[in-house]
Amino acid sequence: MNNLPVRPKQMTPIPIIYQHPLFSPDTLRKISDAHQLIHIPKGTYLLKEGQLSMGYHCVESGLIRTYALDPNGNDITVDFIGQNEIAIEVVSLFQGVAAKENIQALTECTCWYIGYEDFQKLFHTIEGFTEWGRNWMTQQLFKVKQRSISMITESASDRYITLQKEHPEIIQQAPLKYIASFLGITDTSLSRIRAEISKTGT
């Protein structure tokens, strides 16, 4: 991973990701300084199953996918991470266990990386950082819960339409087979849904 020239702070995802009432511009500068700006080529693995996570990435641009293998060895997309979001394997990073997910760049990405030790320093020295982390985790749990409910209560077509409306960058940049597995359907079913939507102009 190669370092890139540092750009103005307002152009980074740091002020957006680390939003908190107690974070002043100076605090955000301190948080930003704890991150390393890196370029990630398309196809690069940020983390592989069985590895120990040593930090996380704040995405400035590009699209990242997390996936796991089912008992039959099938590749199942767990999530997509895009601009102003965090690519992280929480359990591996904070519990010190081997990752069960793979994190891979689907496109060329620009990210701000922070290692575990630097994160701990921020956690213990910045007022409000603990609360920020708690709020972020709550948002992620809500997101996972909503996704679980939608897999039960919504049709595949509705799930695809929602994804199309809320995250068009995923539809534009991710291969169909990854979108299909994320939606819990086959490639064939997704192609049929897309054709039907195209006809109706939904």
Protein backbone atom coordinates (compact mmCIF):
# COMPACT_ATOMS: atom_id res chain seq x y z
CA MET A 1 0.00 0.00 0.00
CA ASN A 2 1.44 3.35 -1.08
CA ASN A 3 1.31 6.68 0.71
CA LEU A 4 -0.40 9.52 -1.12
CA PRO A 5 0.16 13.28 -0.68
CA VAL A 6 -1.91 14.58 2.23
CA ARG A 7 -4.89 16.60 1.06
CA PRO A 8 -6.77 19.33 3.00
CA LYS A 9 -8.54 17.94 6.06
CA GLN A 10 -11.98 19.05 4.85
CA MET A 11 -11.64 16.71 1.87
CA THR A 12 -11.08 13.64 4.04
CA PRO A 13 -13.74 11.38 5.57
CA ILE A 14 -12.42 12.06 9.08
CA PRO A 15 -14.79 14.97 10.00
CA ILE A 16 -17.76 12.99 8.67
CA ILE A 17 -16.96 9.65 10.27
CA TYR A 18 -15.86 11.12 13.58
CA GLN A 19 -18.79 13.45 14.17
CA HIS A 20 -19.36 14.23 17.83
CA PRO A 21 -20.45 17.38 19.74
CA LEU A 22 -17.29 17.29 21.88
CA PHE A 23 -14.89 17.07 18.94
CA SER A 24 -13.42 20.49 18.17
CA PRO A 25 -11.43 21.23 14.99
CA ASP A 26 -8.25 20.66 17.02
CA THR A 27 -9.58 17.31 18.23
CA LEU A 28 -10.41 16.25 14.68
CA ARG A 29 -6.91 17.26 13.64
CA LYS A 30 -5.47 15.04 16.35
CA ILE A 31 -7.69 12.16 15.22
CA SER A 32 -6.71 12.75 11.60
CA ASP A 33 -3.01 12.78 12.49
CA ALA A 34 -3.40 9.30 14.00
CA HIS A 35 -4.48 7.95 10.60
CA GLN A 36 -2.28 7.11 7.64
CA LEU A 37 -3.41 7.99 4.12
CA ILE A 38 -3.05 4.96 1.83
CA HIS A 39 -3.94 3.88 -1.69
CA ILE A 40 -5.37 0.39 -2.08
CA PRO A 41 -5.27 -1.20 -5.55
CA LYS A 42 -8.34 -3.00 -6.87
CA GLY A 43 -8.53 -6.60 -5.66
CA THR A 44 -6.29 -6.06 -2.64
CA TYR A 45 -7.26 -7.86 0.57
CA LEU A 46 -7.34 -5.63 3.61
CA LEU A 47 -7.94 -8.71 5.74
CA LYS A 48 -8.27 -12.43 5.07
CA GLU A 49 -10.08 -15.13 7.00
CA GLY A 50 -7.78 -16.56 9.65
CA GLN A 51 -5.71 -13.38 10.00
CA LEU A 52 -5.72 -11.12 13.04
CA SER A 53 -7.05 -7.62 12.40
CA MET A 54 -4.58 -4.91 13.42
CA GLY A 55 -6.63 -1.78 12.61
CA TYR A 56 -9.37 -0.35 10.42
CA HIS A 57 -9.83 1.79 7.31
CA CYS A 58 -11.90 4.96 6.88
CA VAL A 59 -12.92 5.05 3.22
CA GLU A 60 -12.41 8.28 1.30
CA SER A 61 -13.22 6.83 -2.12
CA GLY A 62 -13.87 3.46 -3.72
CA LEU A 63 -15.87 0.39 -2.76
CA ILE A 64 -14.90 -2.44 -0.42
CA ARG A 65 -16.64 -5.77 0.12
CA THR A 66 -16.69 -8.09 3.12
CA TYR A 67 -17.52 -11.73 2.57
CA ALA A 68 -17.44 -15.13 4.23
CA LEU A 69 -17.53 -18.72 3.02
CA ASP A 70 -20.45 -20.99 3.88
CA PRO A 71 -19.91 -24.70 4.81
CA ASN A 72 -20.00 -25.60 1.12
CA GLY A 73 -17.31 -23.08 0.24
CA ASN A 74 -19.69 -20.63 -1.40
CA ASP A 75 -18.66 -16.97 -1.36
CA ILE A 76 -21.37 -14.93 0.45
CA THR A 77 -21.22 -11.14 0.53
CA VAL A 78 -21.76 -9.84 4.05
CA ASP A 79 -21.55 -6.10 3.37
CA PHE A 80 -20.33 -3.32 1.12
CA ILE A 81 -18.35 -0.37 2.52
CA GLY A 82 -18.13 2.88 0.60
CA GLN A 83 -17.26 6.53 0.95
CA ASN A 84 -17.25 7.92 4.51
CA GLU A 85 -17.72 4.47 6.04
CA ILE A 86 -15.40 2.25 8.07
CA ALA A 87 -14.03 -1.08 6.85
CA ILE A 88 -13.49 -3.06 10.04
CA GLU A 89 -13.71 -6.58 11.43
CA VAL A 90 -14.86 -5.66 14.93
CA VAL A 91 -14.61 -9.07 16.62
CA SER A 92 -11.10 -9.80 15.39
CA LEU A 93 -9.81 -6.30 16.17
CA PHE A 94 -11.21 -5.87 19.67
CA GLN A 95 -11.22 -9.46 20.90
CA GLY A 96 -7.91 -10.48 19.37
CA VAL A 97 -9.23 -13.53 17.53
CA ALA A 98 -8.76 -14.74 13.97
CA ALA A 99 -11.07 -13.09 11.44
CA LYS A 100 -13.96 -15.08 10.00
CA GLU A 101 -14.55 -12.55 7.24
CA ASN A 102 -12.55 -11.40 4.25
CA ILE A 103 -12.29 -7.69 3.42
CA GLN A 104 -11.38 -6.88 -0.19
CA ALA A 105 -11.22 -3.73 -2.32
CA LEU A 106 -13.64 -4.06 -5.25
CA THR A 107 -12.23 -0.91 -6.84
CA GLU A 108 -9.19 1.24 -6.34
CA CYS A 109 -9.66 2.84 -2.94
CA THR A 110 -8.25 5.74 -0.98
CA CYS A 111 -8.48 5.16 2.75
CA TRP A 112 -7.27 6.52 6.06
CA TYR A 113 -5.86 3.67 8.15
CA ILE A 114 -5.47 3.61 11.92
CA GLY A 115 -3.77 0.81 13.84
CA TYR A 116 -5.09 -0.67 17.06
CA GLU A 117 -2.47 0.95 19.31
CA ASP A 118 -3.10 4.43 17.89
CA PHE A 119 -6.85 3.85 18.27
CA GLN A 120 -6.30 2.95 21.93
CA LYS A 121 -4.36 6.18 22.48
CA LEU A 122 -7.26 8.21 21.09
CA PHE A 123 -9.71 6.15 23.12
CA HIS A 124 -7.93 6.95 26.37
CA THR A 125 -6.95 10.58 25.72
CA ILE A 126 -9.79 12.24 23.83
CA GLU A 127 -12.90 13.34 25.65
CA GLY A 128 -16.00 11.93 23.99
CA PHE A 129 -14.16 9.27 22.00
CA THR A 130 -15.70 6.47 24.07
CA GLU A 131 -19.17 7.86 23.47
CA TRP A 132 -18.44 8.28 19.76
CA GLY A 133 -17.43 4.62 19.58
CA ARG A 134 -20.55 3.55 21.41
CA ASN A 135 -22.75 5.58 19.06
CA TRP A 136 -21.01 4.17 15.99
CA MET A 137 -21.44 0.61 17.25
CA THR A 138 -25.12 1.24 17.97
CA GLN A 139 -25.63 2.47 14.40
CA GLN A 140 -23.94 -0.66 13.05
CA LEU A 141 -26.09 -2.95 15.19
CA PHE A 142 -29.19 -1.12 13.96
CA LYS A 143 -28.02 -1.54 10.37
CA VAL A 144 -27.48 -5.29 10.85
CA LYS A 145 -30.86 -5.66 12.54
CA GLN A 146 -32.67 -3.82 9.76
CA ARG A 147 -30.96 -5.97 7.15
CA SER A 148 -31.95 -9.17 9.00
CA ILE A 149 -35.57 -8.05 9.18
CA SER A 150 -35.67 -7.04 5.52
CA MET A 151 -34.40 -10.50 4.48
CA ILE A 152 -37.53 -11.93 6.14
CA THR A 153 -40.21 -9.32 5.49
CA GLU A 154 -39.32 -7.93 2.05
CA SER A 155 -39.28 -9.56 -1.37
CA ALA A 156 -36.01 -9.86 -3.25
CA SER A 157 -37.27 -7.24 -5.70
CA ASP A 158 -37.99 -4.77 -2.91
CA ARG A 159 -34.58 -5.41 -1.35
CA TYR A 160 -32.91 -4.71 -4.68
CA ILE A 161 -34.94 -1.53 -5.26
CA THR A 162 -34.02 -0.27 -1.78
CA LEU A 163 -30.35 -0.98 -2.42
CA GLN A 164 -30.59 0.78 -5.77
CA LYS A 165 -32.13 3.88 -4.20
CA GLU A 166 -30.00 4.09 -1.06
CA HIS A 167 -26.67 2.89 -2.45
CA PRO A 168 -26.51 3.39 -6.22
CA GLU A 169 -22.70 3.22 -6.05
CA ILE A 170 -22.97 -0.47 -5.15
CA ILE A 171 -25.19 -1.18 -8.16
CA GLN A 172 -22.76 0.74 -10.37
CA GLN A 173 -19.49 -0.72 -9.11
CA ALA A 174 -20.09 -4.19 -7.68
CA PRO A 175 -20.29 -7.33 -9.87
CA LEU A 176 -23.81 -8.75 -10.07
CA LYS A 177 -22.79 -12.03 -8.43
CA TYR A 178 -21.72 -10.15 -5.29
CA ILE A 179 -24.93 -8.13 -5.20
CA ALA A 180 -26.97 -11.30 -5.65
CA SER A 181 -25.30 -13.08 -2.72
CA PHE A 182 -25.72 -9.94 -0.57
CA LEU A 183 -29.45 -9.98 -1.35
CA GLY A 184 -29.67 -13.70 -0.64
CA ILE A 185 -30.64 -14.71 -4.19
CA THR A 186 -29.07 -16.38 -7.21
CA ASP A 187 -27.47 -14.57 -10.13
CA THR A 188 -30.33 -15.75 -12.34
CA SER A 189 -32.97 -14.35 -9.99
CA LEU A 190 -31.18 -11.00 -9.85
CA SER A 191 -30.99 -10.82 -13.65
CA ARG A 192 -34.73 -11.50 -13.83
CA ILE A 193 -35.48 -8.83 -11.23
CA ARG A 194 -33.35 -6.28 -13.06
CA ALA A 195 -35.10 -7.09 -16.35
CA GLU A 196 -38.54 -6.70 -14.76
CA ILE A 197 -37.59 -3.40 -13.16
CA SER A 198 -36.20 -2.16 -16.46
CA LYS A 199 -39.51 -2.95 -18.19
CA THR A 200 -41.64 -1.24 -15.55
CA GLY A 201 -39.26 1.69 -15.10
CA THR A 202 -39.26 1.33 -11.33
